[in-house]
Amino acid sequence: KQSDMQKIVKELKSTFACGGTAKDGFIMLQGDHRDDVRDYLVKKGFNDAAIEVQ
């Protein structure tokens, strides 16, 4: 599961041209990409209710 998280982080970092990491089950990205990341993950098939953006 950690390797899946790393793959998603790599994809998000590339897509949004930012730094980021996966830690303790969370993905942290540098910069304000909250709305864009939510939309991107939903389009990738993630459940909107399972996405917590802070």
N, C-alpha and C. Protein backbone atom coordinates (compact mmCIF):
# COMPACT_ATOMS: atom_id res chain seq x y z
N LYS A 1 0.82 -1.19 0.00
CA LYS A 1 0.00 0.00 0.00
C LYS A 1 0.86 1.26 0.00
N GLN A 2 1.98 1.22 0.69
CA GLN A 2 2.88 2.38 0.70
C GLN A 2 3.41 2.66 -0.70
N SER A 3 3.68 1.60 -1.47
CA SER A 3 4.17 1.81 -2.83
C SER A 3 3.10 2.46 -3.70
N ASP A 4 1.81 2.13 -3.45
CA ASP A 4 0.72 2.78 -4.18
C ASP A 4 0.67 4.27 -3.84
N MET A 5 0.85 4.58 -2.56
CA MET A 5 0.85 5.98 -2.13
C MET A 5 1.99 6.73 -2.79
N GLN A 6 3.16 6.11 -2.83
CA GLN A 6 4.32 6.76 -3.45
C GLN A 6 4.06 7.01 -4.94
N LYS A 7 3.40 6.07 -5.59
CA LYS A 7 3.08 6.22 -7.01
C LYS A 7 2.12 7.39 -7.22
N ILE A 8 1.11 7.49 -6.36
CA ILE A 8 0.14 8.58 -6.45
C ILE A 8 0.83 9.92 -6.19
N VAL A 9 1.70 9.97 -5.18
CA VAL A 9 2.42 11.21 -4.87
C VAL A 9 3.27 11.64 -6.06
N LYS A 10 3.96 10.70 -6.66
CA LYS A 10 4.81 11.02 -7.81
C LYS A 10 3.96 11.59 -8.95
N GLU A 11 2.81 10.98 -9.18
CA GLU A 11 1.91 11.44 -10.24
C GLU A 11 1.37 12.85 -9.93
N LEU A 12 0.98 13.08 -8.68
CA LEU A 12 0.46 14.40 -8.29
C LEU A 12 1.55 15.47 -8.38
N LYS A 13 2.75 15.14 -7.93
CA LYS A 13 3.86 16.10 -7.98
C LYS A 13 4.14 16.51 -9.42
N SER A 14 4.10 15.55 -10.31
CA SER A 14 4.35 15.83 -11.72
C SER A 14 3.21 16.65 -12.33
N THR A 15 1.99 16.26 -12.04
CA THR A 15 0.83 16.94 -12.60
C THR A 15 0.72 18.38 -12.13
N PHE A 16 0.97 18.62 -10.83
CA PHE A 16 0.78 19.95 -10.26
C PHE A 16 2.09 20.72 -10.08
N ALA A 17 3.18 20.18 -10.58
CA ALA A 17 4.49 20.84 -10.53
C ALA A 17 4.80 21.38 -9.14
N CYS A 18 4.79 20.45 -8.17
CA CYS A 18 5.05 20.85 -6.79
C CYS A 18 5.81 19.75 -6.07
N GLY A 19 6.27 20.05 -4.88
CA GLY A 19 6.89 19.05 -4.03
C GLY A 19 5.83 18.36 -3.21
N GLY A 20 6.17 17.21 -2.67
CA GLY A 20 5.20 16.51 -1.83
C GLY A 20 5.76 15.21 -1.31
N THR A 21 5.01 14.61 -0.38
CA THR A 21 5.42 13.35 0.23
C THR A 21 4.19 12.60 0.73
N ALA A 22 4.38 11.32 1.01
CA ALA A 22 3.35 10.50 1.65
C ALA A 22 3.87 10.11 3.02
N LYS A 23 3.06 10.33 4.05
CA LYS A 23 3.49 10.03 5.41
C LYS A 23 2.28 9.69 6.26
N ASP A 24 2.36 8.60 6.99
CA ASP A 24 1.30 8.18 7.92
C ASP A 24 -0.07 8.10 7.25
N GLY A 25 -0.11 7.63 6.01
CA GLY A 25 -1.38 7.47 5.31
C GLY A 25 -1.93 8.74 4.69
N PHE A 26 -1.16 9.82 4.73
CA PHE A 26 -1.59 11.09 4.15
C PHE A 26 -0.64 11.49 3.03
N ILE A 27 -1.18 12.22 2.08
CA ILE A 27 -0.37 12.81 1.02
C ILE A 27 -0.30 14.30 1.30
N MET A 28 0.90 14.82 1.37
CA MET A 28 1.10 16.25 1.62
C MET A 28 1.79 16.87 0.41
N LEU A 29 1.17 17.89 -0.15
CA LEU A 29 1.74 18.59 -1.30
C LEU A 29 2.05 20.03 -0.90
N GLN A 30 3.08 20.58 -1.50
CA GLN A 30 3.44 21.97 -1.25
C GLN A 30 2.61 22.87 -2.17
N GLY A 31 2.09 23.94 -1.62
CA GLY A 31 1.28 24.86 -2.41
C GLY A 31 -0.21 24.61 -2.19
N ASP A 32 -1.02 25.47 -2.74
CA ASP A 32 -2.47 25.38 -2.57
C ASP A 32 -3.09 24.73 -3.80
N HIS A 33 -3.21 23.41 -3.75
CA HIS A 33 -3.76 22.63 -4.87
C HIS A 33 -5.00 21.87 -4.44
N ARG A 34 -5.62 22.27 -3.33
CA ARG A 34 -6.69 21.50 -2.71
C ARG A 34 -7.82 21.14 -3.67
N ASP A 35 -8.41 22.12 -4.31
CA ASP A 35 -9.54 21.85 -5.20
C ASP A 35 -9.12 21.04 -6.41
N ASP A 36 -7.97 21.38 -6.97
CA ASP A 36 -7.49 20.67 -8.16
C ASP A 36 -7.16 19.22 -7.85
N VAL A 37 -6.56 18.97 -6.69
CA VAL A 37 -6.20 17.60 -6.31
C VAL A 37 -7.46 16.77 -6.10
N ARG A 38 -8.44 17.33 -5.43
CA ARG A 38 -9.70 16.61 -5.21
C ARG A 38 -10.31 16.22 -6.56
N ASP A 39 -10.43 17.18 -7.47
CA ASP A 39 -11.00 16.90 -8.79
C ASP A 39 -10.19 15.84 -9.53
N TYR A 40 -8.89 15.94 -9.46
CA TYR A 40 -8.00 15.00 -10.14
C TYR A 40 -8.19 13.58 -9.60
N LEU A 41 -8.23 13.44 -8.27
CA LEU A 41 -8.38 12.12 -7.66
C LEU A 41 -9.75 11.51 -7.95
N VAL A 42 -10.78 12.33 -7.96
CA VAL A 42 -12.13 11.82 -8.28
C VAL A 42 -12.15 11.32 -9.72
N LYS A 43 -11.53 12.06 -10.64
CA LYS A 43 -11.46 11.62 -12.04
C LYS A 43 -10.67 10.32 -12.18
N LYS A 44 -9.72 10.09 -11.26
CA LYS A 44 -8.92 8.86 -11.28
C LYS A 44 -9.66 7.68 -10.64
N GLY A 45 -10.86 7.93 -10.09
CA GLY A 45 -11.66 6.85 -9.55
C GLY A 45 -11.73 6.76 -8.04
N PHE A 46 -11.13 7.72 -7.35
CA PHE A 46 -11.20 7.72 -5.89
C PHE A 46 -12.57 8.24 -5.45
N ASN A 47 -13.07 7.72 -4.35
CA ASN A 47 -14.35 8.13 -3.79
C ASN A 47 -14.20 9.52 -3.17
N ASP A 48 -15.04 10.45 -3.59
CA ASP A 48 -14.96 11.83 -3.09
C ASP A 48 -15.09 11.89 -1.56
N ALA A 49 -15.92 11.03 -0.99
CA ALA A 49 -16.12 11.02 0.46
C ALA A 49 -14.87 10.55 1.21
N ALA A 50 -13.99 9.83 0.53
CA ALA A 50 -12.78 9.31 1.17
C ALA A 50 -11.62 10.30 1.09
N ILE A 51 -11.80 11.41 0.40
CA ILE A 51 -10.74 12.40 0.23
C ILE A 51 -10.92 13.51 1.26
N GLU A 52 -9.93 13.67 2.12
CA GLU A 52 -9.96 14.74 3.12
C GLU A 52 -8.91 15.77 2.74
N VAL A 53 -9.35 16.98 2.49
CA VAL A 53 -8.44 18.05 2.09
C VAL A 53 -8.41 19.09 3.20
N GLN A 54 -7.20 19.48 3.60
CA GLN A 54 -7.05 20.49 4.66
C GLN A 54 -6.28 21.67 4.16
